[in-house]
Amino acid sequence: MASVTLVRTISFSIYQKAKYSYSAAIGRVTGEEPLVTVNRPGSIPTPGTVVCFGAAGATAGAIAAFIACPFELTKQAAQISVLMASNNNKSSMDDPVRSSYQQKGAFGTARNVIMHRGVRGLYSGFGFHLHRSRLPQIYPIDSAKTHYQRNCLTTAADQPVKMPRIQFNKASMYRGLGVSMARSCLINTIFFSSFEFLKKKINALPDPVD
């Protein structure tokens, strides 16, 4: 939960700054800034506003992916250790790579990933994560990222890691979609409700200049 809050807070900050930067750049080229256009009463979306907000969102998503990827990888490692313990599979427990993630906290898991795969190991699956963050939430990409990160965590560093295929017409690529949607709806409801509440309170504060 803390990692989600951190990533979303940074993402919002980057989006706000990028939005103004792109608006100013587009204004220098076209003669009118998209933010001026969108705040005009009765305005409708224009190519300029679509490009401005789309580029700002893609920028925020790309930078947020760089921050979020290690958190998601350590979460994967924790889930793998829980599954191993519940299955009580002897062959899995005897695997030195898999068993090394047993009973580790977040920092211990991160150290373990670095030990097995180096610092770059924390960014296993970053390409999938980047595409998922910059594009609309396309679930098969998220599934492929999860499979690839799991393969990285359960494969020795000197062994090749199997690269999953993104198959949009395969039902198994959508497994867990309902749970993911419910989680996203709950988190976004809390996040945006809090955001709007705090914004309203801040806007109601007296102007210090007056």
N, C-alpha and C. Protein backbone atom coordinates (compact mmCIF):
# COMPACT_ATOMS: atom_id res chain seq x y z
N MET A 1 0.83 -1.19 0.00
CA MET A 1 0.00 0.00 0.00
C MET A 1 0.87 1.25 0.00
N ALA A 2 1.96 1.22 0.78
CA ALA A 2 2.86 2.37 0.85
C ALA A 2 3.51 2.63 -0.50
N SER A 3 3.88 1.54 -1.20
CA SER A 3 4.52 1.71 -2.51
C SER A 3 3.54 2.29 -3.52
N VAL A 4 2.25 1.86 -3.45
CA VAL A 4 1.23 2.39 -4.36
C VAL A 4 1.04 3.88 -4.12
N THR A 5 0.98 4.28 -2.84
CA THR A 5 0.82 5.70 -2.49
C THR A 5 2.00 6.51 -2.99
N LEU A 6 3.22 6.00 -2.78
CA LEU A 6 4.42 6.71 -3.22
C LEU A 6 4.44 6.88 -4.73
N VAL A 7 4.18 5.79 -5.45
CA VAL A 7 4.22 5.84 -6.92
C VAL A 7 3.15 6.78 -7.46
N ARG A 8 1.94 6.72 -6.92
CA ARG A 8 0.87 7.57 -7.42
C ARG A 8 1.12 9.04 -7.09
N THR A 9 1.68 9.32 -5.93
CA THR A 9 1.99 10.70 -5.57
C THR A 9 3.04 11.28 -6.51
N ILE A 10 4.09 10.52 -6.76
CA ILE A 10 5.14 10.98 -7.68
C ILE A 10 4.58 11.11 -9.08
N SER A 11 3.74 10.16 -9.48
CA SER A 11 3.15 10.19 -10.82
C SER A 11 2.30 11.45 -11.02
N PHE A 12 1.50 11.79 -10.02
CA PHE A 12 0.67 12.99 -10.12
C PHE A 12 1.54 14.25 -10.23
N SER A 13 2.60 14.30 -9.42
CA SER A 13 3.48 15.48 -9.44
C SER A 13 4.14 15.64 -10.81
N ILE A 14 4.62 14.53 -11.36
CA ILE A 14 5.26 14.57 -12.68
C ILE A 14 4.25 14.95 -13.75
N TYR A 15 3.05 14.38 -13.65
CA TYR A 15 2.01 14.69 -14.63
C TYR A 15 1.69 16.18 -14.65
N GLN A 16 1.55 16.77 -13.46
CA GLN A 16 1.24 18.19 -13.38
C GLN A 16 2.33 19.05 -14.02
N LYS A 17 3.58 18.75 -13.71
CA LYS A 17 4.69 19.53 -14.26
C LYS A 17 4.81 19.31 -15.77
N ALA A 18 4.67 18.06 -16.19
CA ALA A 18 4.78 17.75 -17.62
C ALA A 18 3.65 18.41 -18.40
N LYS A 19 2.46 18.44 -17.82
CA LYS A 19 1.30 19.03 -18.50
C LYS A 19 1.56 20.50 -18.84
N TYR A 20 2.09 21.24 -17.89
CA TYR A 20 2.37 22.66 -18.13
C TYR A 20 3.53 22.84 -19.12
N SER A 21 4.53 21.97 -19.03
CA SER A 21 5.67 22.06 -19.95
C SER A 21 5.24 21.79 -21.39
N TYR A 22 4.46 20.72 -21.59
CA TYR A 22 4.01 20.39 -22.94
C TYR A 22 3.04 21.45 -23.46
N SER A 23 2.20 21.98 -22.58
CA SER A 23 1.26 23.02 -23.00
C SER A 23 2.01 24.26 -23.50
N ALA A 24 3.06 24.65 -22.77
CA ALA A 24 3.84 25.81 -23.17
C ALA A 24 4.55 25.55 -24.50
N ALA A 25 5.09 24.34 -24.66
CA ALA A 25 5.80 24.00 -25.91
C ALA A 25 4.84 24.01 -27.10
N ILE A 26 3.65 23.44 -26.93
CA ILE A 26 2.67 23.43 -28.01
C ILE A 26 2.20 24.86 -28.32
N GLY A 27 2.08 25.68 -27.26
CA GLY A 27 1.67 27.06 -27.46
C GLY A 27 2.67 27.86 -28.28
N ARG A 28 3.94 27.57 -28.08
CA ARG A 28 4.98 28.28 -28.86
C ARG A 28 4.91 27.91 -30.34
N VAL A 29 4.44 26.70 -30.63
CA VAL A 29 4.36 26.24 -32.02
C VAL A 29 3.05 26.68 -32.67
N THR A 30 1.94 26.52 -31.96
CA THR A 30 0.62 26.77 -32.56
C THR A 30 0.06 28.16 -32.26
N GLY A 31 0.58 28.82 -31.25
CA GLY A 31 0.07 30.13 -30.88
C GLY A 31 -0.98 30.09 -29.79
N GLU A 32 -1.41 28.90 -29.36
CA GLU A 32 -2.37 28.79 -28.26
C GLU A 32 -2.06 27.55 -27.43
N GLU A 33 -1.99 27.76 -26.12
CA GLU A 33 -1.67 26.65 -25.23
C GLU A 33 -2.91 25.79 -24.99
N PRO A 34 -2.76 24.47 -24.97
CA PRO A 34 -3.91 23.58 -24.71
C PRO A 34 -4.59 23.84 -23.37
N LEU A 35 -3.81 24.24 -22.35
CA LEU A 35 -4.43 24.49 -21.05
C LEU A 35 -5.33 25.72 -21.09
N VAL A 36 -5.00 26.68 -21.93
CA VAL A 36 -5.88 27.83 -22.11
C VAL A 36 -7.15 27.39 -22.83
N THR A 37 -6.99 26.55 -23.83
CA THR A 37 -8.14 26.05 -24.60
C THR A 37 -9.09 25.26 -23.73
N VAL A 38 -8.55 24.34 -22.93
CA VAL A 38 -9.40 23.43 -22.15
C VAL A 38 -10.13 24.16 -21.02
N ASN A 39 -9.58 25.27 -20.54
CA ASN A 39 -10.23 26.03 -19.47
C ASN A 39 -11.24 27.05 -19.98
N ARG A 40 -11.38 27.14 -21.30
CA ARG A 40 -12.35 28.06 -21.88
C ARG A 40 -13.76 27.43 -21.78
N PRO A 41 -14.75 28.17 -21.27
CA PRO A 41 -16.11 27.60 -21.15
C PRO A 41 -16.64 27.09 -22.49
N GLY A 42 -17.20 25.88 -22.45
CA GLY A 42 -17.77 25.29 -23.66
C GLY A 42 -16.77 24.68 -24.60
N SER A 43 -15.51 24.57 -24.16
CA SER A 43 -14.47 24.01 -25.05
C SER A 43 -14.66 22.52 -25.22
N ILE A 44 -14.16 22.01 -26.34
CA ILE A 44 -14.18 20.58 -26.63
C ILE A 44 -12.76 20.12 -26.88
N PRO A 45 -12.47 18.82 -26.76
CA PRO A 45 -11.11 18.34 -27.01
C PRO A 45 -10.61 18.71 -28.41
N THR A 46 -9.35 19.08 -28.48
CA THR A 46 -8.71 19.42 -29.74
C THR A 46 -7.47 18.55 -29.89
N PRO A 47 -6.88 18.47 -31.09
CA PRO A 47 -5.63 17.72 -31.23
C PRO A 47 -4.56 18.18 -30.25
N GLY A 48 -4.51 19.49 -30.00
CA GLY A 48 -3.51 20.02 -29.07
C GLY A 48 -3.71 19.54 -27.65
N THR A 49 -4.96 19.53 -27.18
CA THR A 49 -5.22 19.08 -25.81
C THR A 49 -4.98 17.58 -25.67
N VAL A 50 -5.36 16.82 -26.70
CA VAL A 50 -5.15 15.37 -26.66
C VAL A 50 -3.65 15.06 -26.59
N VAL A 51 -2.86 15.75 -27.43
CA VAL A 51 -1.41 15.53 -27.44
C VAL A 51 -0.79 15.95 -26.10
N CYS A 52 -1.22 17.09 -25.59
CA CYS A 52 -0.66 17.60 -24.34
C CYS A 52 -0.91 16.65 -23.18
N PHE A 53 -2.17 16.27 -22.97
CA PHE A 53 -2.49 15.42 -21.83
C PHE A 53 -1.99 13.99 -22.03
N GLY A 54 -2.03 13.52 -23.29
CA GLY A 54 -1.51 12.18 -23.57
C GLY A 54 -0.02 12.08 -23.32
N ALA A 55 0.73 13.10 -23.78
CA ALA A 55 2.18 13.11 -23.58
C ALA A 55 2.53 13.24 -22.11
N ALA A 56 1.78 14.06 -21.37
CA ALA A 56 2.04 14.22 -19.94
C ALA A 56 1.78 12.91 -19.20
N GLY A 57 0.69 12.22 -19.57
CA GLY A 57 0.39 10.94 -18.94
C GLY A 57 1.43 9.88 -19.24
N ALA A 58 1.90 9.85 -20.51
CA ALA A 58 2.93 8.87 -20.90
C ALA A 58 4.24 9.15 -20.17
N THR A 59 4.58 10.43 -20.01
CA THR A 59 5.81 10.79 -19.29
C THR A 59 5.72 10.36 -17.83
N ALA A 60 4.60 10.67 -17.20
CA ALA A 60 4.41 10.28 -15.80
C ALA A 60 4.44 8.77 -15.64
N GLY A 61 3.80 8.06 -16.58
CA GLY A 61 3.78 6.60 -16.51
C GLY A 61 5.15 5.98 -16.66
N ALA A 62 5.97 6.55 -17.57
CA ALA A 62 7.31 6.01 -17.80
C ALA A 62 8.20 6.18 -16.57
N ILE A 63 8.15 7.36 -15.95
CA ILE A 63 8.98 7.61 -14.76
C ILE A 63 8.46 6.81 -13.57
N ALA A 64 7.14 6.72 -13.44
CA ALA A 64 6.56 5.93 -12.35
C ALA A 64 6.92 4.46 -12.48
N ALA A 65 7.01 3.96 -13.72
CA ALA A 65 7.38 2.55 -13.94
C ALA A 65 8.77 2.27 -13.42
N PHE A 66 9.68 3.22 -13.59
CA PHE A 66 11.06 3.05 -13.12
C PHE A 66 11.09 2.91 -11.59
N ILE A 67 10.19 3.63 -10.92
CA ILE A 67 10.14 3.58 -9.46
C ILE A 67 9.39 2.34 -8.98
N ALA A 68 8.32 1.99 -9.68
CA ALA A 68 7.44 0.91 -9.22
C ALA A 68 7.97 -0.49 -9.48
N CYS A 69 8.79 -0.66 -10.53
CA CYS A 69 9.22 -2.00 -10.94
C CYS A 69 9.89 -2.79 -9.82
N PRO A 70 10.85 -2.22 -9.07
CA PRO A 70 11.46 -3.00 -7.97
C PRO A 70 10.45 -3.41 -6.90
N PHE A 71 9.48 -2.54 -6.61
CA PHE A 71 8.46 -2.87 -5.61
C PHE A 71 7.63 -4.08 -6.06
N GLU A 72 7.24 -4.08 -7.34
CA GLU A 72 6.41 -5.18 -7.84
C GLU A 72 7.21 -6.48 -7.89
N LEU A 73 8.50 -6.37 -8.18
CA LEU A 73 9.33 -7.58 -8.22
C LEU A 73 9.46 -8.20 -6.84
N THR A 74 9.68 -7.37 -5.82
CA THR A 74 9.78 -7.92 -4.46
C THR A 74 8.44 -8.51 -4.01
N LYS A 75 7.33 -7.92 -4.48
CA LYS A 75 6.01 -8.49 -4.17
C LYS A 75 5.88 -9.87 -4.81
N GLN A 76 6.36 -10.01 -6.05
CA GLN A 76 6.33 -11.31 -6.72
C GLN A 76 7.12 -12.35 -5.93
N ALA A 77 8.29 -11.94 -5.45
CA ALA A 77 9.14 -12.87 -4.69
C ALA A 77 8.44 -13.32 -3.41
N ALA A 78 7.77 -12.39 -2.73
CA ALA A 78 7.04 -12.74 -1.51
C ALA A 78 5.91 -13.71 -1.81
N GLN A 79 5.20 -13.49 -2.92
CA GLN A 79 4.11 -14.38 -3.30
C GLN A 79 4.62 -15.77 -3.64
N ILE A 80 5.77 -15.84 -4.29
CA ILE A 80 6.35 -17.14 -4.63
C ILE A 80 6.69 -17.92 -3.37
N SER A 81 7.26 -17.23 -2.37
CA SER A 81 7.64 -17.92 -1.14
C SER A 81 6.41 -18.43 -0.40
N VAL A 82 5.32 -17.66 -0.42
CA VAL A 82 4.08 -18.08 0.24
C VAL A 82 3.50 -19.32 -0.47
N LEU A 83 3.51 -19.31 -1.80
CA LEU A 83 2.99 -20.45 -2.56
C LEU A 83 3.83 -21.70 -2.29
N MET A 84 5.14 -21.52 -2.21
CA MET A 84 6.01 -22.68 -1.93
C MET A 84 5.70 -23.26 -0.56
N ALA A 85 5.50 -22.40 0.42
CA ALA A 85 5.23 -22.87 1.78
C ALA A 85 3.87 -23.58 1.85
N SER A 86 2.87 -23.04 1.15
CA SER A 86 1.54 -23.65 1.19
C SER A 86 1.48 -24.96 0.43
N ASN A 87 2.24 -25.04 -0.68
CA ASN A 87 2.25 -26.28 -1.48
C ASN A 87 3.09 -27.37 -0.85
N ASN A 88 4.08 -26.94 -0.06
CA ASN A 88 4.99 -27.90 0.58
C ASN A 88 5.60 -28.85 -0.44
N ASN A 89 6.00 -28.29 -1.58
CA ASN A 89 6.58 -29.06 -2.67
C ASN A 89 8.07 -29.25 -2.40
N LYS A 90 8.50 -30.48 -2.19
CA LYS A 90 9.89 -30.73 -1.80
C LYS A 90 10.88 -30.32 -2.88
N SER A 91 10.52 -30.55 -4.15
CA SER A 91 11.44 -30.19 -5.23
C SER A 91 11.64 -28.68 -5.29
N SER A 92 10.56 -27.92 -4.99
CA SER A 92 10.68 -26.46 -4.97
C SER A 92 11.51 -26.01 -3.78
N MET A 93 11.30 -26.65 -2.63
CA MET A 93 12.04 -26.26 -1.43
C MET A 93 13.52 -26.57 -1.57
N ASP A 94 13.86 -27.61 -2.34
CA ASP A 94 15.26 -27.96 -2.54
C ASP A 94 15.94 -27.08 -3.56
N ASP A 95 15.18 -26.33 -4.36
CA ASP A 95 15.75 -25.42 -5.34
C ASP A 95 16.39 -24.25 -4.59
N PRO A 96 17.72 -24.06 -4.70
CA PRO A 96 18.38 -23.01 -3.90
C PRO A 96 17.91 -21.61 -4.24
N VAL A 97 17.53 -21.39 -5.50
CA VAL A 97 17.07 -20.05 -5.88
C VAL A 97 15.72 -19.76 -5.26
N ARG A 98 14.78 -20.70 -5.43
CA ARG A 98 13.43 -20.49 -4.89
C ARG A 98 13.43 -20.44 -3.37
N SER A 99 14.14 -21.36 -2.76
CA SER A 99 14.13 -21.43 -1.29
C SER A 99 14.81 -20.22 -0.66
N SER A 100 15.67 -19.51 -1.40
CA SER A 100 16.36 -18.35 -0.84
C SER A 100 15.41 -17.18 -0.60
N TYR A 101 14.21 -17.23 -1.18
CA TYR A 101 13.25 -16.15 -0.98
C TYR A 101 12.32 -16.43 0.19
N GLN A 102 12.52 -17.56 0.88
CA GLN A 102 11.65 -17.93 1.99
C GLN A 102 11.87 -17.00 3.18
N GLN A 103 10.76 -16.52 3.76
CA GLN A 103 10.76 -15.76 5.01
C GLN A 103 11.69 -14.55 4.94
N LYS A 104 11.57 -13.81 3.88
CA LYS A 104 12.34 -12.57 3.72
C LYS A 104 11.37 -11.39 3.70
N GLY A 105 11.77 -10.29 4.32
CA GLY A 105 10.99 -9.07 4.23
C GLY A 105 11.28 -8.38 2.90
N ALA A 106 10.74 -7.18 2.75
CA ALA A 106 10.91 -6.46 1.49
C ALA A 106 12.38 -6.17 1.20
N PHE A 107 13.11 -5.67 2.22
CA PHE A 107 14.52 -5.33 2.01
C PHE A 107 15.37 -6.59 1.84
N GLY A 108 15.02 -7.63 2.60
CA GLY A 108 15.75 -8.89 2.46
C GLY A 108 15.55 -9.49 1.08
N THR A 109 14.33 -9.39 0.56
CA THR A 109 14.04 -9.88 -0.78
C THR A 109 14.82 -9.10 -1.83
N ALA A 110 14.85 -7.77 -1.67
CA ALA A 110 15.61 -6.93 -2.61
C ALA A 110 17.09 -7.30 -2.61
N ARG A 111 17.65 -7.52 -1.42
CA ARG A 111 19.07 -7.94 -1.33
C ARG A 111 19.28 -9.28 -2.01
N ASN A 112 18.30 -10.16 -1.85
CA ASN A 112 18.40 -11.49 -2.46
C ASN A 112 18.38 -11.41 -3.98
N VAL A 113 17.50 -10.56 -4.53
CA VAL A 113 17.44 -10.37 -5.98
C VAL A 113 18.77 -9.84 -6.49
N ILE A 114 19.34 -8.87 -5.79
CA ILE A 114 20.63 -8.30 -6.20
C ILE A 114 21.72 -9.36 -6.13
N MET A 115 21.67 -10.21 -5.11
CA MET A 115 22.68 -11.26 -4.96
C MET A 115 22.62 -12.24 -6.14
N HIS A 116 21.39 -12.59 -6.58
CA HIS A 116 21.24 -13.58 -7.65
C HIS A 116 21.41 -12.98 -9.05
N ARG A 117 20.91 -11.74 -9.25
CA ARG A 117 20.86 -11.19 -10.60
C ARG A 117 21.45 -9.80 -10.74
N GLY A 118 22.07 -9.28 -9.66
CA GLY A 118 22.65 -7.94 -9.72
C GLY A 118 21.59 -6.87 -9.57
N VAL A 119 22.02 -5.60 -9.55
CA VAL A 119 21.09 -4.49 -9.38
C VAL A 119 20.08 -4.45 -10.52
N ARG A 120 20.52 -4.80 -11.72
CA ARG A 120 19.60 -4.82 -12.87
C ARG A 120 18.47 -5.82 -12.68
N GLY A 121 18.69 -6.81 -11.81
CA GLY A 121 17.65 -7.80 -11.54
C GLY A 121 16.40 -7.18 -10.95
N LEU A 122 16.55 -6.05 -10.22
CA LEU A 122 15.39 -5.38 -9.65
C LEU A 122 14.47 -4.83 -10.73
N TYR A 123 15.02 -4.70 -11.94
CA TYR A 123 14.23 -4.15 -13.05
C TYR A 123 13.89 -5.22 -14.09
N SER A 124 13.87 -6.47 -13.64
CA SER A 124 13.42 -7.54 -14.53
C SER A 124 11.96 -7.28 -14.93
N GLY A 125 11.69 -7.34 -16.23
CA GLY A 125 10.34 -7.07 -16.70
C GLY A 125 10.03 -5.60 -16.86
N PHE A 126 11.07 -4.74 -16.80
CA PHE A 126 10.82 -3.29 -16.89
C PHE A 126 10.19 -2.91 -18.23
N GLY A 127 10.58 -3.60 -19.31
CA GLY A 127 10.00 -3.29 -20.62
C GLY A 127 8.50 -3.50 -20.63
N PHE A 128 8.04 -4.63 -20.05
CA PHE A 128 6.61 -4.89 -19.95
C PHE A 128 5.94 -3.83 -19.08
N HIS A 129 6.61 -3.51 -17.98
CA HIS A 129 6.05 -2.53 -17.04
C HIS A 129 5.92 -1.16 -17.71
N LEU A 130 6.92 -0.80 -18.50
CA LEU A 130 6.91 0.49 -19.18
C LEU A 130 5.75 0.57 -20.18
N HIS A 131 5.58 -0.49 -20.97
CA HIS A 131 4.49 -0.50 -21.95
C HIS A 131 3.14 -0.45 -21.25
N ARG A 132 3.02 -1.17 -20.15
CA ARG A 132 1.75 -1.18 -19.43
C ARG A 132 1.43 0.20 -18.85
N SER A 133 2.47 0.92 -18.39
CA SER A 133 2.24 2.22 -17.76
C SER A 133 1.96 3.31 -18.78
N ARG A 134 2.53 3.18 -19.99
CA ARG A 134 2.36 4.24 -20.99
C ARG A 134 1.13 4.02 -21.87
N LEU A 135 0.66 2.79 -21.92
CA LEU A 135 -0.54 2.47 -22.69
C LEU A 135 -1.71 2.31 -21.73
N PRO A 136 -2.94 2.30 -22.25
CA PRO A 136 -4.07 1.98 -21.37
C PRO A 136 -3.85 0.62 -20.72
N GLN A 137 -4.49 0.39 -19.60
CA GLN A 137 -4.26 -0.83 -18.82
C GLN A 137 -4.66 -2.07 -19.62
N ILE A 138 -3.70 -2.58 -20.40
CA ILE A 138 -3.95 -3.76 -21.23
C ILE A 138 -3.51 -4.98 -20.43
N TYR A 139 -4.47 -5.80 -20.00
CA TYR A 139 -4.20 -6.85 -19.03
C TYR A 139 -3.22 -7.92 -19.53
N PRO A 140 -3.28 -8.36 -20.80
CA PRO A 140 -2.30 -9.36 -21.23
C PRO A 140 -0.85 -8.91 -21.07
N ILE A 141 -0.57 -7.61 -21.20
CA ILE A 141 0.79 -7.11 -20.98
C ILE A 141 1.16 -7.28 -19.52
N ASP A 142 0.20 -7.00 -18.63
CA ASP A 142 0.45 -7.16 -17.20
C ASP A 142 0.69 -8.63 -16.86
N SER A 143 -0.08 -9.52 -17.48
CA SER A 143 0.11 -10.96 -17.25
C SER A 143 1.49 -11.41 -17.72
N ALA A 144 1.90 -10.94 -18.90
CA ALA A 144 3.22 -11.30 -19.43
C ALA A 144 4.32 -10.79 -18.51
N LYS A 145 4.15 -9.56 -17.97
CA LYS A 145 5.14 -9.01 -17.05
C LYS A 145 5.26 -9.88 -15.79
N THR A 146 4.09 -10.28 -15.25
CA THR A 146 4.09 -11.11 -14.05
C THR A 146 4.78 -12.45 -14.30
N HIS A 147 4.50 -13.08 -15.44
CA HIS A 147 5.12 -14.36 -15.77
C HIS A 147 6.63 -14.21 -15.94
N TYR A 148 7.04 -13.14 -16.61
CA TYR A 148 8.48 -12.95 -16.84
C TYR A 148 9.21 -12.69 -15.52
N GLN A 149 8.63 -11.87 -14.65
CA GLN A 149 9.28 -11.60 -13.37
C GLN A 149 9.35 -12.86 -12.52
N ARG A 150 8.31 -13.68 -12.56
CA ARG A 150 8.32 -14.94 -11.82
C ARG A 150 9.43 -15.85 -12.36
N ASN A 151 9.57 -15.90 -13.70
CA ASN A 151 10.62 -16.73 -14.29
C ASN A 151 12.01 -16.23 -13.89
N CYS A 152 12.18 -14.91 -13.83
CA CYS A 152 13.47 -14.35 -13.42
C CYS A 152 13.80 -14.72 -11.99
N LEU A 153 12.79 -14.71 -11.12
CA LEU A 153 13.01 -15.00 -9.71
C LEU A 153 13.30 -16.47 -9.45
N THR A 154 12.80 -17.34 -10.31
CA THR A 154 12.95 -18.78 -10.07
C THR A 154 13.99 -19.43 -10.97
N THR A 155 14.75 -18.61 -11.70
CA THR A 155 15.78 -19.14 -12.60
C THR A 155 17.15 -18.65 -12.14
N ALA A 156 18.11 -19.55 -12.13
CA ALA A 156 19.46 -19.15 -11.74
C ALA A 156 20.02 -18.12 -12.71
N ALA A 157 20.94 -17.28 -12.20
CA ALA A 157 21.47 -16.17 -13.00
C ALA A 157 22.18 -16.63 -14.26
N ASP A 158 22.77 -17.83 -14.23
CA ASP A 158 23.50 -18.32 -15.40
C ASP A 158 22.62 -19.09 -16.38
N GLN A 159 21.31 -19.10 -16.12
CA GLN A 159 20.38 -19.81 -16.99
C GLN A 159 19.53 -18.81 -17.78
N PRO A 160 19.17 -19.14 -19.03
CA PRO A 160 18.32 -18.23 -19.81
C PRO A 160 16.92 -18.16 -19.21
N VAL A 161 16.32 -16.99 -19.27
CA VAL A 161 14.98 -16.77 -18.74
C VAL A 161 13.98 -16.83 -19.88
N LYS A 162 12.96 -17.65 -19.71
CA LYS A 162 11.94 -17.80 -20.75
C LYS A 162 11.13 -16.53 -20.88
N MET A 163 11.01 -16.02 -22.11
CA MET A 163 10.25 -14.80 -22.39
C MET A 163 8.82 -15.17 -22.79
N PRO A 164 7.83 -14.76 -22.01
CA PRO A 164 6.44 -15.12 -22.35
C PRO A 164 5.94 -14.35 -23.56
N ARG A 165 5.02 -14.94 -24.27
CA ARG A 165 4.39 -14.27 -25.42
C ARG A 165 3.13 -13.55 -24.96
N ILE A 166 2.90 -12.37 -25.53
CA ILE A 166 1.67 -11.63 -25.25
C ILE A 166 0.62 -12.09 -26.25
N GLN A 167 -0.39 -12.80 -25.76
CA GLN A 167 -1.44 -13.36 -26.61
C GLN A 167 -2.79 -12.78 -26.18
N PHE A 168 -3.30 -11.86 -26.98
CA PHE A 168 -4.54 -11.17 -26.61
C PHE A 168 -5.77 -12.07 -26.75
N ASN A 169 -5.66 -13.12 -27.55
CA ASN A 169 -6.82 -13.99 -27.77
C ASN A 169 -6.77 -15.26 -26.92
N LYS A 170 -5.92 -15.29 -25.92
CA LYS A 170 -5.80 -16.47 -25.06
C LYS A 170 -6.43 -16.19 -23.70
N ALA A 171 -7.36 -17.02 -23.30
CA ALA A 171 -8.13 -16.78 -22.07
C ALA A 171 -7.24 -16.73 -20.83
N SER A 172 -6.19 -17.55 -20.79
CA SER A 172 -5.34 -17.59 -19.60
C SER A 172 -4.61 -16.28 -19.35
N MET A 173 -4.44 -15.45 -20.40
CA MET A 173 -3.78 -14.16 -20.22
C MET A 173 -4.66 -13.17 -19.44
N TYR A 174 -5.94 -13.51 -19.29
CA TYR A 174 -6.87 -12.64 -18.57
C TYR A 174 -7.24 -13.19 -17.20
N ARG A 175 -6.52 -14.23 -16.77
CA ARG A 175 -6.79 -14.82 -15.46
C ARG A 175 -6.49 -13.80 -14.36
N GLY A 176 -7.42 -13.60 -13.44
CA GLY A 176 -7.23 -12.64 -12.36
C GLY A 176 -7.67 -11.23 -12.70
N LEU A 177 -8.27 -11.05 -13.88
CA LEU A 177 -8.70 -9.72 -14.32
C LEU A 177 -9.73 -9.12 -13.37
N GLY A 178 -10.69 -9.94 -12.93
CA GLY A 178 -11.72 -9.43 -12.03
C GLY A 178 -11.16 -8.90 -10.73
N VAL A 179 -10.23 -9.65 -10.14
CA VAL A 179 -9.60 -9.22 -8.89
C VAL A 179 -8.80 -7.95 -9.10
N SER A 180 -8.07 -7.90 -10.22
CA SER A 180 -7.27 -6.72 -10.52
C SER A 180 -8.14 -5.48 -10.70
N MET A 181 -9.27 -5.64 -11.39
CA MET A 181 -10.18 -4.52 -11.60
C MET A 181 -10.78 -4.05 -10.28
N ALA A 182 -11.17 -5.00 -9.43
CA ALA A 182 -11.74 -4.63 -8.13
C ALA A 182 -10.72 -3.87 -7.29
N ARG A 183 -9.48 -4.35 -7.30
CA ARG A 183 -8.42 -3.67 -6.53
C ARG A 183 -8.19 -2.26 -7.05
N SER A 184 -8.11 -2.13 -8.39
CA SER A 184 -7.88 -0.82 -8.99
C SER A 184 -9.02 0.14 -8.69
N CYS A 185 -10.25 -0.37 -8.76
CA CYS A 185 -11.42 0.49 -8.48
C CYS A 185 -11.39 0.99 -7.04
N LEU A 186 -11.08 0.09 -6.11
CA LEU A 186 -11.03 0.47 -4.69
C LEU A 186 -9.93 1.49 -4.42
N ILE A 187 -8.73 1.20 -4.94
CA ILE A 187 -7.59 2.11 -4.71
C ILE A 187 -7.84 3.47 -5.34
N ASN A 188 -8.34 3.47 -6.58
CA ASN A 188 -8.58 4.74 -7.26
C ASN A 188 -9.71 5.54 -6.61
N THR A 189 -10.72 4.83 -6.10
CA THR A 189 -11.81 5.52 -5.41
C THR A 189 -11.28 6.25 -4.18
N ILE A 190 -10.47 5.55 -3.39
CA ILE A 190 -9.90 6.16 -2.19
C ILE A 190 -8.95 7.29 -2.56
N PHE A 191 -8.10 7.04 -3.54
CA PHE A 191 -7.07 8.01 -3.91
C PHE A 191 -7.68 9.29 -4.45
N PHE A 192 -8.58 9.17 -5.44
CA PHE A 192 -9.13 10.37 -6.07
C PHE A 192 -10.13 11.09 -5.16
N SER A 193 -10.84 10.34 -4.33
CA SER A 193 -11.73 10.99 -3.35
C SER A 193 -10.91 11.82 -2.37
N SER A 194 -9.81 11.26 -1.90
CA SER A 194 -8.93 12.01 -0.99
C SER A 194 -8.33 13.22 -1.69
N PHE A 195 -7.93 13.02 -2.95
CA PHE A 195 -7.35 14.11 -3.72
C PHE A 195 -8.34 15.27 -3.87
N GLU A 196 -9.60 14.96 -4.26
CA GLU A 196 -10.60 16.00 -4.45
C GLU A 196 -10.97 16.67 -3.12
N PHE A 197 -11.03 15.89 -2.05
CA PHE A 197 -11.36 16.45 -0.74
C PHE A 197 -10.29 17.44 -0.29
N LEU A 198 -9.03 17.03 -0.40
CA LEU A 198 -7.94 17.90 0.02
C LEU A 198 -7.83 19.13 -0.87
N LYS A 199 -8.06 18.94 -2.19
CA LYS A 199 -8.01 20.08 -3.11
C LYS A 199 -9.07 21.11 -2.75
N LYS A 200 -10.27 20.62 -2.41
CA LYS A 200 -11.36 21.52 -2.02
C LYS A 200 -11.00 22.29 -0.76
N LYS A 201 -10.39 21.59 0.22
CA LYS A 201 -9.99 22.25 1.46
C LYS A 201 -8.91 23.29 1.21
N ILE A 202 -7.95 22.97 0.37
CA ILE A 202 -6.85 23.90 0.07
C ILE A 202 -7.37 25.12 -0.67
N ASN A 203 -8.27 24.89 -1.63
CA ASN A 203 -8.83 26.01 -2.40
C ASN A 203 -9.67 26.93 -1.53
N ALA A 204 -10.21 26.40 -0.43
CA ALA A 204 -11.04 27.22 0.46
C ALA A 204 -10.22 28.05 1.44
N LEU A 205 -8.92 27.79 1.51
CA LEU A 205 -8.07 28.57 2.41
C LEU A 205 -7.98 30.02 1.95
N PRO A 206 -7.89 30.97 2.88
CA PRO A 206 -7.79 32.38 2.49
C PRO A 206 -6.48 32.65 1.75
N ASP A 207 -6.54 33.58 0.81
CA ASP A 207 -5.36 33.96 0.05
C ASP A 207 -4.41 34.73 0.95
N PRO A 208 -3.16 34.26 1.13
CA PRO A 208 -2.22 34.96 2.04
C PRO A 208 -1.88 36.37 1.56
N VAL A 209 -2.06 36.63 0.27
CA VAL A 209 -1.74 37.97 -0.27
C VAL A 209 -2.73 38.99 0.26
N ASP A 210 -4.01 38.57 0.41
CA ASP A 210 -5.04 39.46 0.93
C ASP A 210 -4.87 39.68 2.43
